[in-house]
C-alpha atoms as a PDB file:
ATOM      1  CA  UNK A   1      -8.728  17.352   4.141  1.00  0.00           C
ATOM      2  CA  UNK A   2      -7.238  14.114   1.869  1.00  0.00           C
ATOM      3  CA  UNK A   3      -9.364  10.814   1.750  1.00  0.00           C
ATOM      4  CA  UNK A   4      -8.052   8.050   0.905  1.00  0.00           C
ATOM      5  CA  UNK A   5     -10.049   4.510  -0.331  1.00  0.00           C
ATOM      6  CA  UNK A   6      -8.748   1.076  -0.464  1.00  0.00           C
ATOM      7  CA  UNK A   7     -10.785  -1.389  -2.689  1.00  0.00           C
ATOM      8  CA  UNK A   8      -9.699  -4.751  -4.278  1.00  0.00           C
ATOM      9  CA  UNK A   9      -9.955  -7.130  -1.459  1.00  0.00           C
ATOM     10  CA  UNK A  10     -11.443 -10.645  -1.231  1.00  0.00           C
ATOM     11  CA  UNK A  11     -11.005 -13.891  -1.157  1.00  0.00           C
ATOM     12  CA  UNK A  12      -7.954 -16.020  -2.665  1.00  0.00           C
ATOM     13  CA  UNK A  13      -6.496 -19.469  -3.462  1.00  0.00           C
ATOM     14  CA  UNK A  14      -2.888 -19.722  -2.337  1.00  0.00           C
ATOM     15  CA  UNK A  15      -0.978 -19.351  -5.436  1.00  0.00           C
ATOM     16  CA  UNK A  16      -2.899 -16.334  -6.909  1.00  0.00           C
ATOM     17  CA  UNK A  17      -3.512 -12.475  -7.648  1.00  0.00           C
ATOM     18  CA  UNK A  18      -4.968  -9.643  -6.615  1.00  0.00           C
ATOM     19  CA  UNK A  19      -4.281  -5.750  -7.367  1.00  0.00           C
ATOM     20  CA  UNK A  20      -5.052  -3.533  -4.979  1.00  0.00           C
ATOM     21  CA  UNK A  21      -6.393   0.318  -5.046  1.00  0.00           C
ATOM     22  CA  UNK A  22      -6.285   3.059  -3.078  1.00  0.00           C
ATOM     23  CA  UNK A  23      -7.554   6.460  -4.615  1.00  0.00           C
ATOM     24  CA  UNK A  24      -7.024   9.869  -2.893  1.00  0.00           C
ATOM     25  CA  UNK A  25      -9.361  13.146  -2.876  1.00  0.00           C
ATOM     26  CA  UNK A  26     -10.131  16.108  -1.330  1.00  0.00           C
ATOM     27  CA  UNK A  27      -6.686  17.544  -2.654  1.00  0.00           C
ATOM     28  CA  UNK A  28      -3.425  17.242  -5.403  1.00  0.00           C
ATOM     29  CA  UNK A  29      -1.840  13.679  -4.848  1.00  0.00           C
ATOM     30  CA  UNK A  30       1.309  14.642  -6.768  1.00  0.00           C
ATOM     31  CA  UNK A  31       4.387  15.332  -3.871  1.00  0.00           C
ATOM     32  CA  UNK A  32       2.322  12.659  -1.790  1.00  0.00           C
ATOM     33  CA  UNK A  33       4.693   9.361  -0.433  1.00  0.00           C
ATOM     34  CA  UNK A  34       1.901   6.805  -0.682  1.00  0.00           C
ATOM     35  CA  UNK A  35       2.266   3.074   1.766  1.00  0.00           C
ATOM     36  CA  UNK A  36       0.698   0.146   2.086  1.00  0.00           C
ATOM     37  CA  UNK A  37       0.811  -1.415   5.928  1.00  0.00           C
ATOM     38  CA  UNK A  38      -1.273  -4.282   6.940  1.00  0.00           C
ATOM     39  CA  UNK A  39      -2.590  -6.181   9.821  1.00  0.00           C
ATOM     40  CA  UNK A  40      -2.787  -9.733  10.451  1.00  0.00           C
ATOM     41  CA  UNK A  41      -5.062 -11.067  13.183  1.00  0.00           C
ATOM     42  CA  UNK A  42      -3.500 -10.728  16.151  1.00  0.00           C
ATOM     43  CA  UNK A  43      -0.558  -8.344  15.370  1.00  0.00           C
ATOM     44  CA  UNK A  44       0.391  -5.133  15.031  1.00  0.00           C
ATOM     45  CA  UNK A  45      -0.540  -3.232  11.756  1.00  0.00           C
ATOM     46  CA  UNK A  46       3.023  -3.446  10.340  1.00  0.00           C
ATOM     47  CA  UNK A  47       4.357  -1.803   6.696  1.00  0.00           C
ATOM     48  CA  UNK A  48       4.734  -3.361   3.148  1.00  0.00           C
ATOM     49  CA  UNK A  49       5.426  -1.061   0.711  1.00  0.00           C
ATOM     50  CA  UNK A  50       5.844   2.721  -0.309  1.00  0.00           C
ATOM     51  CA  UNK A  51       6.554   4.820  -3.791  1.00  0.00           C
ATOM     52  CA  UNK A  52       7.515   7.880  -3.799  1.00  0.00           C
ATOM     53  CA  UNK A  53       5.717  10.522  -5.161  1.00  0.00           C
ATOM     54  CA  UNK A  54       7.543  10.663  -8.536  1.00  0.00           C
ATOM     55  CA  UNK A  55       6.900   6.384  -8.367  1.00  0.00           C
ATOM     56  CA  UNK A  56      11.270   6.764  -9.655  1.00  0.00           C
ATOM     57  CA  UNK A  57      11.721   5.078  -5.598  1.00  0.00           C
ATOM     58  CA  UNK A  58       9.742   1.906  -4.265  1.00  0.00           C
ATOM     59  CA  UNK A  59      10.755   0.090  -0.910  1.00  0.00           C
ATOM     60  CA  UNK A  60       8.872  -3.942  -0.480  1.00  0.00           C
ATOM     61  CA  UNK A  61      10.042  -5.613   2.695  1.00  0.00           C
ATOM     62  CA  UNK A  62      12.027  -8.928   2.084  1.00  0.00           C
ATOM     63  CA  UNK A  63       9.231 -11.299   2.300  1.00  0.00           C
ATOM     64  CA  UNK A  64       6.749  -9.934  -0.880  1.00  0.00           C
ATOM     65  CA  UNK A  65       9.879  -9.235  -3.013  1.00  0.00           C
ATOM     66  CA  UNK A  66       9.522 -10.978  -6.196  1.00  0.00           C
ATOM     67  CA  UNK A  67       5.710 -11.229  -5.229  1.00  0.00           C
ATOM     68  CA  UNK A  68       4.404  -7.662  -5.179  1.00  0.00           C
ATOM     69  CA  UNK A  69       4.695  -4.351  -6.808  1.00  0.00           C
ATOM     70  CA  UNK A  70       3.706  -1.312  -6.004  1.00  0.00           C
ATOM     71  CA  UNK A  71       2.927   1.144  -8.460  1.00  0.00           C
ATOM     72  CA  UNK A  72       1.227   4.621  -9.032  1.00  0.00           C
ATOM     73  CA  UNK A  73      -0.543   6.940 -11.797  1.00  0.00           C
ATOM     74  CA  UNK A  74      -0.974  10.693 -10.807  1.00  0.00           C
ATOM     75  CA  UNK A  75      -3.162  11.474 -13.299  1.00  0.00           C
ATOM     76  CA  UNK A  76      -5.960   9.326 -11.462  1.00  0.00           C
ATOM     77  CA  UNK A  77      -4.360  10.537  -8.153  1.00  0.00           C
ATOM     78  CA  UNK A  78      -4.177   6.153  -7.572  1.00  0.00           C
ATOM     79  CA  UNK A  79      -2.128   3.909  -5.751  1.00  0.00           C
ATOM     80  CA  UNK A  80      -1.848  -0.072  -6.792  1.00  0.00           C
ATOM     81  CA  UNK A  81       0.001  -3.093  -5.104  1.00  0.00           C
ATOM     82  CA  UNK A  82      -0.319  -5.683  -7.441  1.00  0.00           C
ATOM     83  CA  UNK A  83      -0.069  -8.653  -5.525  1.00  0.00           C
ATOM     84  CA  UNK A  84       1.056 -12.327  -7.444  1.00  0.00           C
ATOM     85  CA  UNK A  85       1.918 -15.680  -5.354  1.00  0.00           C
ATOM     86  CA  UNK A  86      -0.227 -14.932  -2.565  1.00  0.00           C
ATOM     87  CA  UNK A  87       0.740 -17.091   0.480  1.00  0.00           C
ATOM     88  CA  UNK A  88      -2.169 -17.254   3.528  1.00  0.00           C
ATOM     89  CA  UNK A  89       0.697 -15.830   5.542  1.00  0.00           C
ATOM     90  CA  UNK A  90      -0.212 -12.534   3.331  1.00  0.00           C
ATOM     91  CA  UNK A  91      -4.042 -12.996   4.685  1.00  0.00           C
ATOM     92  CA  UNK A  92      -4.908  -9.495   6.835  1.00  0.00           C
ATOM     93  CA  UNK A  93      -6.403  -5.893   6.430  1.00  0.00           C
ATOM     94  CA  UNK A  94      -3.988  -3.836   3.863  1.00  0.00           C
ATOM     95  CA  UNK A  95      -4.266  -0.046   4.087  1.00  0.00           C
ATOM     96  CA  UNK A  96      -2.917   2.458   2.472  1.00  0.00           C
ATOM     97  CA  UNK A  97      -1.744   6.152   3.623  1.00  0.00           C
ATOM     98  CA  UNK A  98       0.225   8.944   3.155  1.00  0.00           C
ATOM     99  CA  UNK A  99       2.317  12.174   3.627  1.00  0.00           C
ATOM    100  CA  UNK A 100       3.466  15.128   1.642  1.00  0.00           C
ATOM    101  CA  UNK A 101       6.879  15.280   0.805  1.00  0.00           C
ATOM    102  CA  UNK A 102       9.274  17.636  -1.063  1.00  0.00           C
ATOM    103  CA  UNK A 103      11.600  15.351  -1.789  1.00  0.00           C
ATOM    104  CA  UNK A 104      11.954  13.039  -4.426  1.00  0.00           C
ATOM    105  CA  UNK A 105      12.749   9.819  -3.325  1.00  0.00           C
ATOM    106  CA  UNK A 106      12.281   7.986  -0.330  1.00  0.00           C
ATOM    107  CA  UNK A 107      14.245   8.790   3.442  1.00  0.00           C
ATOM    108  CA  UNK A 108      14.288   6.428   5.878  1.00  0.00           C
ATOM    109  CA  UNK A 109      10.776   7.891   7.797  1.00  0.00           C
ATOM    110  CA  UNK A 110       8.366   6.622   4.931  1.00  0.00           C
ATOM    111  CA  UNK A 111       8.188   2.788   6.635  1.00  0.00           C
ATOM    112  CA  UNK A 112       6.930   4.349  10.062  1.00  0.00           C
ATOM    113  CA  UNK A 113       3.431   4.498  10.699  1.00  0.00           C
ATOM    114  CA  UNK A 114       3.862   7.574  12.422  1.00  0.00           C
ATOM    115  CA  UNK A 115       5.637   9.374   9.457  1.00  0.00           C
ATOM    116  CA  UNK A 116       2.164   8.977   7.421  1.00  0.00           C
ATOM    117  CA  UNK A 117      -0.816  11.900   7.820  1.00  0.00           C
ATOM    118  CA  UNK A 118      -3.566  10.385   6.089  1.00  0.00           C
ATOM    119  CA  UNK A 119      -5.382   6.703   6.072  1.00  0.00           C
ATOM    120  CA  UNK A 120      -7.739   4.682   4.527  1.00  0.00           C
ATOM    121  CA  UNK A 121     -10.347   2.520   5.872  1.00  0.00           C
ATOM    122  CA  UNK A 122      -8.724  -0.779   5.021  1.00  0.00           C
ATOM    123  CA  UNK A 123      -9.277  -3.789   2.531  1.00  0.00           C
ATOM    124  CA  UNK A 124      -9.510  -7.326   3.436  1.00  0.00           C
ATOM    125  CA  UNK A 125      -7.353  -9.901   1.609  1.00  0.00           C
ATOM    126  CA  UNK A 126      -7.733 -13.724   2.597  1.00  0.00           C
ATOM    127  CA  UNK A 127      -6.122 -16.290   0.778  1.00  0.00           C
ATOM    128  CA  UNK A 128      -6.821 -19.936   1.713  1.00  0.00           C
ATOM    129  CA  UNK A 129      -5.005 -22.901   0.947  1.00  0.00           C
END
């Protein structure tokens, strides 16, 4: 019973910034790989970023490298997605997700939606021209 709740979405002008937060409750947050996915209108939900439970390993898709940063604060049971230089094509519903892992890093399966056991409700990000 792990509950995930996202927040921080909204409407922002192109070039602006947002920081998404995802708070976990229901059990310990440590030893969970945490990821962010997004779903744009008319498109499939897609992987965006992930972070190992140690915080020492991260993955971001090429289209957001240099603009987005994923981080976590295990003491607060929270994972963040800092989004800078936002573009209209970033418009989507953003979901956080997690799964338990004994591994300190990230194995290839961390980019697959099917790997994740726990999901938040999503938060809307809209980037205007």
